[in-house]
Amino acid sequence: RAAQALHAKYPELAVCGVADGYFDDEARR
């Protein structure tokens, strides 16, 4: 949702990935 809001305000800003903060495998993040 943050990425979508940023895209609306900064359409040329490259958001190249998102990930939530709930994870067991730190290496994958």
PDB file of all heavy atoms in Angstrom:
ATOM      1  N   ARG A   1       0.834  -1.212   0.000  1.00  0.00           N
ATOM      2  CA  ARG A   1       0.000   0.000   0.000  1.00  0.00           C
ATOM      3  C   ARG A   1       0.865   1.258   0.000  1.00  0.00           C
ATOM      4  O   ARG A   1       0.523   2.258  -0.647  1.00  0.00           O
ATOM      5  CB  ARG A   1      -0.944  -0.002   1.208  1.00  0.00           C
ATOM      6  CG  ARG A   1      -2.069  -1.019   1.087  1.00  0.00           C
ATOM      7  CD  ARG A   1      -3.172  -0.774   2.096  1.00  0.00           C
ATOM      8  NE  ARG A   1      -2.752  -0.952   3.474  1.00  0.00           N
ATOM      9  CZ  ARG A   1      -2.679  -2.139   4.085  1.00  0.00           C
ATOM     10  NH1 ARG A   1      -2.994  -3.248   3.427  1.00  0.00           N
ATOM     11  NH2 ARG A   1      -2.299  -2.219   5.349  1.00  0.00           N
ATOM     12  N   ALA A   2       1.983   1.213   0.719  1.00  0.00           N
ATOM     13  CA  ALA A   2       2.909   2.348   0.714  1.00  0.00           C
ATOM     14  C   ALA A   2       3.463   2.570  -0.692  1.00  0.00           C
ATOM     15  O   ALA A   2       3.555   3.716  -1.164  1.00  0.00           O
ATOM     16  CB  ALA A   2       4.047   2.112   1.699  1.00  0.00           C
ATOM     17  N   ALA A   3       3.814   1.476  -1.380  1.00  0.00           N
ATOM     18  CA  ALA A   3       4.334   1.572  -2.750  1.00  0.00           C
ATOM     19  C   ALA A   3       3.301   2.199  -3.681  1.00  0.00           C
ATOM     20  O   ALA A   3       3.627   3.046  -4.523  1.00  0.00           O
ATOM     21  CB  ALA A   3       4.744   0.194  -3.255  1.00  0.00           C
ATOM     22  N   GLN A   4       2.029   1.800  -3.534  1.00  0.00           N
ATOM     23  CA  GLN A   4       0.964   2.359  -4.369  1.00  0.00           C
ATOM     24  C   GLN A   4       0.784   3.853  -4.106  1.00  0.00           C
ATOM     25  O   GLN A   4       0.609   4.643  -5.036  1.00  0.00           O
ATOM     26  CB  GLN A   4      -0.348   1.606  -4.113  1.00  0.00           C
ATOM     27  CG  GLN A   4      -0.349   0.190  -4.654  1.00  0.00           C
ATOM     28  CD  GLN A   4      -1.465  -0.671  -4.054  1.00  0.00           C
ATOM     29  OE1 GLN A   4      -2.257  -0.214  -3.238  1.00  0.00           O
ATOM     30  NE2 GLN A   4      -1.509  -1.937  -4.465  1.00  0.00           N
ATOM     31  N   ALA A   5       0.837   4.229  -2.826  1.00  0.00           N
ATOM     32  CA  ALA A   5       0.693   5.645  -2.471  1.00  0.00           C
ATOM     33  C   ALA A   5       1.862   6.465  -3.015  1.00  0.00           C
ATOM     34  O   ALA A   5       1.667   7.586  -3.517  1.00  0.00           O
ATOM     35  CB  ALA A   5       0.610   5.791  -0.953  1.00  0.00           C
ATOM     36  N   LEU A   6       3.066   5.910  -2.951  1.00  0.00           N
ATOM     37  CA  LEU A   6       4.235   6.612  -3.477  1.00  0.00           C
ATOM     38  C   LEU A   6       4.150   6.751  -4.995  1.00  0.00           C
ATOM     39  O   LEU A   6       4.505   7.793  -5.555  1.00  0.00           O
ATOM     40  CB  LEU A   6       5.523   5.883  -3.088  1.00  0.00           C
ATOM     41  CG  LEU A   6       5.897   5.898  -1.601  1.00  0.00           C
ATOM     42  CD1 LEU A   6       7.213   5.175  -1.383  1.00  0.00           C
ATOM     43  CD2 LEU A   6       5.964   7.313  -1.066  1.00  0.00           C
ATOM     44  N   HIS A   7       3.657   5.713  -5.657  1.00  0.00           N
ATOM     45  CA  HIS A   7       3.534   5.761  -7.120  1.00  0.00           C
ATOM     46  C   HIS A   7       2.560   6.856  -7.543  1.00  0.00           C
ATOM     47  O   HIS A   7       2.772   7.534  -8.552  1.00  0.00           O
ATOM     48  CB  HIS A   7       3.080   4.408  -7.669  1.00  0.00           C
ATOM     49  CG  HIS A   7       2.954   4.409  -9.170  1.00  0.00           C
ATOM     50  ND1 HIS A   7       4.041   4.527 -10.007  1.00  0.00           N
ATOM     51  CD2 HIS A   7       1.848   4.343  -9.970  1.00  0.00           C
ATOM     52  CE1 HIS A   7       3.619   4.530 -11.262  1.00  0.00           C
ATOM     53  NE2 HIS A   7       2.299   4.417 -11.268  1.00  0.00           N
ATOM     54  N   ALA A   8       1.486   7.024  -6.755  1.00  0.00           N
ATOM     55  CA  ALA A   8       0.503   8.063  -7.080  1.00  0.00           C
ATOM     56  C   ALA A   8       1.113   9.458  -6.951  1.00  0.00           C
ATOM     57  O   ALA A   8       0.797  10.362  -7.733  1.00  0.00           O
ATOM     58  CB  ALA A   8      -0.711   7.927  -6.164  1.00  0.00           C
ATOM     59  N   LYS A   9       1.988   9.622  -5.966  1.00  0.00           N
ATOM     60  CA  LYS A   9       2.575  10.945  -5.713  1.00  0.00           C
ATOM     61  C   LYS A   9       3.868  11.175  -6.494  1.00  0.00           C
ATOM     62  O   LYS A   9       4.164  12.305  -6.890  1.00  0.00           O
ATOM     63  CB  LYS A   9       2.846  11.083  -4.208  1.00  0.00           C
ATOM     64  CG  LYS A   9       3.154  12.511  -3.783  1.00  0.00           C
ATOM     65  CD  LYS A   9       3.133  12.650  -2.264  1.00  0.00           C
ATOM     66  CE  LYS A   9       3.384  14.096  -1.857  1.00  0.00           C
ATOM     67  NZ  LYS A   9       3.420  14.256  -0.391  1.00  0.00           N
ATOM     68  N   TYR A  10       4.631  10.106  -6.679  1.00  0.00           N
ATOM     69  CA  TYR A  10       5.924  10.194  -7.390  1.00  0.00           C
ATOM     70  C   TYR A  10       5.939   9.142  -8.503  1.00  0.00           C
ATOM     71  O   TYR A  10       6.578   8.095  -8.360  1.00  0.00           O
ATOM     72  CB  TYR A  10       7.090   9.965  -6.422  1.00  0.00           C
ATOM     73  CG  TYR A  10       7.106  10.900  -5.240  1.00  0.00           C
ATOM     74  CD1 TYR A  10       6.577  10.511  -4.007  1.00  0.00           C
ATOM     75  CD2 TYR A  10       7.647  12.182  -5.347  1.00  0.00           C
ATOM     76  CE1 TYR A  10       6.589  11.376  -2.913  1.00  0.00           C
ATOM     77  CE2 TYR A  10       7.668  13.051  -4.260  1.00  0.00           C
ATOM     78  CZ  TYR A  10       7.133  12.643  -3.054  1.00  0.00           C
ATOM     79  OH  TYR A  10       7.145  13.492  -1.976  1.00  0.00           O
ATOM     80  N   PRO A  11       5.231   9.393  -9.601  1.00  0.00           N
ATOM     81  CA  PRO A  11       5.056   8.358 -10.626  1.00  0.00           C
ATOM     82  C   PRO A  11       6.350   7.871 -11.268  1.00  0.00           C
ATOM     83  O   PRO A  11       6.396   6.761 -11.796  1.00  0.00           O
ATOM     84  CB  PRO A  11       4.140   9.028 -11.658  1.00  0.00           C
ATOM     85  CG  PRO A  11       4.173  10.488 -11.352  1.00  0.00           C
ATOM     86  CD  PRO A  11       4.467  10.616  -9.906  1.00  0.00           C
ATOM     87  N   GLU A  12       7.410   8.683 -11.209  1.00  0.00           N
ATOM     88  CA  GLU A  12       8.679   8.276 -11.814  1.00  0.00           C
ATOM     89  C   GLU A  12       9.629   7.612 -10.819  1.00  0.00           C
ATOM     90  O   GLU A  12      10.727   7.189 -11.192  1.00  0.00           O
ATOM     91  CB  GLU A  12       9.373   9.492 -12.452  1.00  0.00           C
ATOM     92  CG  GLU A  12       8.556  10.202 -13.520  1.00  0.00           C
ATOM     93  CD  GLU A  12       8.182   9.284 -14.672  1.00  0.00           C
ATOM     94  OE1 GLU A  12       9.064   8.533 -15.140  1.00  0.00           O
ATOM     95  OE2 GLU A  12       7.003   9.307 -15.092  1.00  0.00           O
ATOM     96  N   LEU A  13       9.226   7.529  -9.554  1.00  0.00           N
ATOM     97  CA  LEU A  13      10.076   6.897  -8.541  1.00  0.00           C
ATOM     98  C   LEU A  13      10.054   5.382  -8.723  1.00  0.00           C
ATOM     99  O   LEU A  13       8.985   4.774  -8.760  1.00  0.00           O
ATOM    100  CB  LEU A  13       9.585   7.259  -7.136  1.00  0.00           C
ATOM    101  CG  LEU A  13      10.359   6.626  -5.962  1.00  0.00           C
ATOM    102  CD1 LEU A  13      11.788   7.139  -5.900  1.00  0.00           C
ATOM    103  CD2 LEU A  13       9.641   6.906  -4.638  1.00  0.00           C
ATOM    104  N   ALA A  14      11.225   4.795  -8.826  1.00  0.00           N
ATOM    105  CA  ALA A  14      11.312   3.343  -9.047  1.00  0.00           C
ATOM    106  C   ALA A  14      11.284   2.611  -7.713  1.00  0.00           C
ATOM    107  O   ALA A  14      12.273   2.593  -6.987  1.00  0.00           O
ATOM    108  CB  ALA A  14      12.601   3.013  -9.800  1.00  0.00           C
ATOM    109  N   VAL A  15      10.122   2.031  -7.394  1.00  0.00           N
ATOM    110  CA  VAL A  15      10.044   1.138  -6.232  1.00  0.00           C
ATOM    111  C   VAL A  15      10.318  -0.265  -6.755  1.00  0.00           C
ATOM    112  O   VAL A  15       9.492  -0.864  -7.449  1.00  0.00           O
ATOM    113  CB  VAL A  15       8.665   1.215  -5.542  1.00  0.00           C
ATOM    114  CG1 VAL A  15       8.611   0.234  -4.377  1.00  0.00           C
ATOM    115  CG2 VAL A  15       8.400   2.630  -5.041  1.00  0.00           C
ATOM    116  N   CYS A  16      11.498  -0.789  -6.455  1.00  0.00           N
ATOM    117  CA  CYS A  16      11.969  -2.021  -7.103  1.00  0.00           C
ATOM    118  C   CYS A  16      11.652  -3.272  -6.295  1.00  0.00           C
ATOM    119  O   CYS A  16      12.002  -4.385  -6.702  1.00  0.00           O
ATOM    120  CB  CYS A  16      13.465  -1.934  -7.378  1.00  0.00           C
ATOM    121  SG  CYS A  16      14.467  -1.742  -5.902  1.00  0.00           S
ATOM    122  N   GLY A  17      10.985  -3.115  -5.141  1.00  0.00           N
ATOM    123  CA  GLY A  17      10.616  -4.300  -4.369  1.00  0.00           C
ATOM    124  C   GLY A  17       9.956  -3.929  -3.060  1.00  0.00           C
ATOM    125  O   GLY A  17      10.139  -2.823  -2.544  1.00  0.00           O
ATOM    126  N   VAL A  18       9.156  -4.863  -2.549  1.00  0.00           N
ATOM    127  CA  VAL A  18       8.526  -4.705  -1.237  1.00  0.00           C
ATOM    128  C   VAL A  18       8.571  -6.044  -0.514  1.00  0.00           C
ATOM    129  O   VAL A  18       8.571  -7.104  -1.151  1.00  0.00           O
ATOM    130  CB  VAL A  18       7.058  -4.218  -1.335  1.00  0.00           C
ATOM    131  CG1 VAL A  18       6.965  -2.859  -2.006  1.00  0.00           C
ATOM    132  CG2 VAL A  18       6.184  -5.226  -2.060  1.00  0.00           C
ATOM    133  N   ALA A  19       8.616  -5.995   0.813  1.00  0.00           N
ATOM    134  CA  ALA A  19       8.551  -7.220   1.629  1.00  0.00           C
ATOM    135  C   ALA A  19       8.080  -6.830   3.017  1.00  0.00           C
ATOM    136  O   ALA A  19       8.480  -5.792   3.547  1.00  0.00           O
ATOM    137  CB  ALA A  19       9.916  -7.902   1.704  1.00  0.00           C
ATOM    138  N   ASP A  20       7.209  -7.659   3.594  1.00  0.00           N
ATOM    139  CA  ASP A  20       6.722  -7.341   4.939  1.00  0.00           C
ATOM    140  C   ASP A  20       7.763  -7.720   5.990  1.00  0.00           C
ATOM    141  O   ASP A  20       8.788  -8.329   5.694  1.00  0.00           O
ATOM    142  CB  ASP A  20       5.371  -8.014   5.207  1.00  0.00           C
ATOM    143  CG  ASP A  20       5.463  -9.529   5.236  1.00  0.00           C
ATOM    144  OD1 ASP A  20       6.214 -10.070   6.079  1.00  0.00           O
ATOM    145  OD2 ASP A  20       4.768 -10.185   4.435  1.00  0.00           O
ATOM    146  N   GLY A  21       7.477  -7.345   7.231  1.00  0.00           N
ATOM    147  CA  GLY A  21       8.440  -7.551   8.304  1.00  0.00           C
ATOM    148  C   GLY A  21       8.249  -8.839   9.076  1.00  0.00           C
ATOM    149  O   GLY A  21       8.856  -9.017  10.133  1.00  0.00           O
ATOM    150  N   TYR A  22       7.407  -9.742   8.544  1.00  0.00           N
ATOM    151  CA  TYR A  22       7.131 -11.007   9.229  1.00  0.00           C
ATOM    152  C   TYR A  22       7.825 -12.129   8.458  1.00  0.00           C
ATOM    153  O   TYR A  22       7.375 -12.518   7.382  1.00  0.00           O
ATOM    154  CB  TYR A  22       5.618 -11.242   9.316  1.00  0.00           C
ATOM    155  CG  TYR A  22       4.944 -10.289  10.270  1.00  0.00           C
ATOM    156  CD1 TYR A  22       4.775  -8.939   9.938  1.00  0.00           C
ATOM    157  CD2 TYR A  22       4.514 -10.706  11.523  1.00  0.00           C
ATOM    158  CE1 TYR A  22       4.181  -8.044  10.821  1.00  0.00           C
ATOM    159  CE2 TYR A  22       3.908  -9.824  12.417  1.00  0.00           C
ATOM    160  CZ  TYR A  22       3.751  -8.497  12.054  1.00  0.00           C
ATOM    161  OH  TYR A  22       3.166  -7.634  12.938  1.00  0.00           O
ATOM    162  N   PHE A  23       8.921 -12.622   9.002  1.00  0.00           N
ATOM    163  CA  PHE A  23       9.704 -13.629   8.271  1.00  0.00           C
ATOM    164  C   PHE A  23      10.460 -14.510   9.255  1.00  0.00           C
ATOM    165  O   PHE A  23      10.836 -14.082  10.340  1.00  0.00           O
ATOM    166  CB  PHE A  23      10.694 -12.952   7.311  1.00  0.00           C
ATOM    167  CG  PHE A  23      11.610 -11.947   7.962  1.00  0.00           C
ATOM    168  CD1 PHE A  23      12.854 -12.323   8.439  1.00  0.00           C
ATOM    169  CD2 PHE A  23      11.221 -10.618   8.094  1.00  0.00           C
ATOM    170  CE1 PHE A  23      13.700 -11.406   9.037  1.00  0.00           C
ATOM    171  CE2 PHE A  23      12.068  -9.684   8.705  1.00  0.00           C
ATOM    172  CZ  PHE A  23      13.305 -10.083   9.161  1.00  0.00           C
ATOM    173  N   ASP A  24      10.661 -15.749   8.840  1.00  0.00           N
ATOM    174  CA  ASP A  24      11.488 -16.691   9.597  1.00  0.00           C
ATOM    175  C   ASP A  24      12.858 -16.839   8.969  1.00  0.00           C
ATOM    176  O   ASP A  24      13.841 -17.116   9.640  1.00  0.00           O
ATOM    177  CB  ASP A  24      10.805 -18.074   9.654  1.00  0.00           C
ATOM    178  CG  ASP A  24       9.497 -18.025  10.432  1.00  0.00           C
ATOM    179  OD1 ASP A  24       9.452 -17.360  11.476  1.00  0.00           O
ATOM    180  OD2 ASP A  24       8.516 -18.643   9.972  1.00  0.00           O
ATOM    181  N   ASP A  25      12.914 -16.662   7.646  1.00  0.00           N
ATOM    182  CA  ASP A  25      14.149 -16.882   6.897  1.00  0.00           C
ATOM    183  C   ASP A  25      14.782 -15.532   6.552  1.00  0.00           C
ATOM    184  O   ASP A  25      14.455 -14.929   5.531  1.00  0.00           O
ATOM    185  CB  ASP A  25      13.843 -17.688   5.632  1.00  0.00           C
ATOM    186  CG  ASP A  25      15.099 -18.149   4.903  1.00  0.00           C
ATOM    187  OD1 ASP A  25      16.184 -17.596   5.184  1.00  0.00           O
ATOM    188  OD2 ASP A  25      14.996 -19.046   4.055  1.00  0.00           O
ATOM    189  N   GLU A  26      15.670 -15.069   7.416  1.00  0.00           N
ATOM    190  CA  GLU A  26      16.297 -13.756   7.208  1.00  0.00           C
ATOM    191  C   GLU A  26      17.126 -13.728   5.939  1.00  0.00           C
ATOM    192  O   GLU A  26      17.145 -12.727   5.213  1.00  0.00           O
ATOM    193  CB  GLU A  26      17.163 -13.407   8.424  1.00  0.00           C
ATOM    194  CG  GLU A  26      17.648 -11.981   8.436  1.00  0.00           C
ATOM    195  CD  GLU A  26      18.148 -11.544   9.807  1.00  0.00           C
ATOM    196  OE1 GLU A  26      17.410 -11.695  10.805  1.00  0.00           O
ATOM    197  OE2 GLU A  26      19.277 -11.040   9.865  1.00  0.00           O
ATOM    198  N   ALA A  27      17.790 -14.840   5.639  1.00  0.00           N
ATOM    199  CA  ALA A  27      18.644 -14.900   4.451  1.00  0.00           C
ATOM    200  C   ALA A  27      17.846 -14.656   3.170  1.00  0.00           C
ATOM    201  O   ALA A  27      18.342 -14.030   2.225  1.00  0.00           O
ATOM    202  CB  ALA A  27      19.357 -16.246   4.380  1.00  0.00           C
ATOM    203  N   ARG A  28      16.606 -15.134   3.148  1.00  0.00           N
ATOM    204  CA  ARG A  28      15.762 -14.915   1.958  1.00  0.00           C
ATOM    205  C   ARG A  28      15.421 -13.444   1.783  1.00  0.00           C
ATOM    206  O   ARG A  28      15.378 -12.931   0.666  1.00  0.00           O
ATOM    207  CB  ARG A  28      14.471 -15.735   2.055  1.00  0.00           C
ATOM    208  CG  ARG A  28      14.660 -17.202   1.693  1.00  0.00           C
ATOM    209  CD  ARG A  28      13.340 -17.922   1.575  1.00  0.00           C
ATOM    210  NE  ARG A  28      12.551 -17.433   0.444  1.00  0.00           N
ATOM    211  CZ  ARG A  28      11.318 -17.848   0.159  1.00  0.00           C
ATOM    212  NH1 ARG A  28      10.728 -18.738   0.932  1.00  0.00           N
ATOM    213  NH2 ARG A  28      10.665 -17.376  -0.878  1.00  0.00           N
ATOM    214  N   ARG A  29      15.171 -12.751   2.897  1.00  0.00           N
ATOM    215  CA  ARG A  29      14.895 -11.318   2.818  1.00  0.00           C
ATOM    216  C   ARG A  29      16.133 -10.564   2.318  1.00  0.00           C
ATOM    217  O   ARG A  29      16.028  -9.674   1.473  1.00  0.00           O
ATOM    218  CB  ARG A  29      14.480 -10.783   4.196  1.00  0.00           C
ATOM    219  CG  ARG A  29      13.048 -11.106   4.602  1.00  0.00           C
ATOM    220  CD  ARG A  29      12.039 -10.347   3.741  1.00  0.00           C
ATOM    221  NE  ARG A  29      10.694 -10.412   4.271  1.00  0.00           N
ATOM    222  CZ  ARG A  29       9.803 -11.345   3.958  1.00  0.00           C
ATOM    223  NH1 ARG A  29      10.124 -12.310   3.114  1.00  0.00           N
ATOM    224  NH2 ARG A  29       8.582 -11.311   4.474  1.00  0.00           N
TER     225      ARG A  29
END
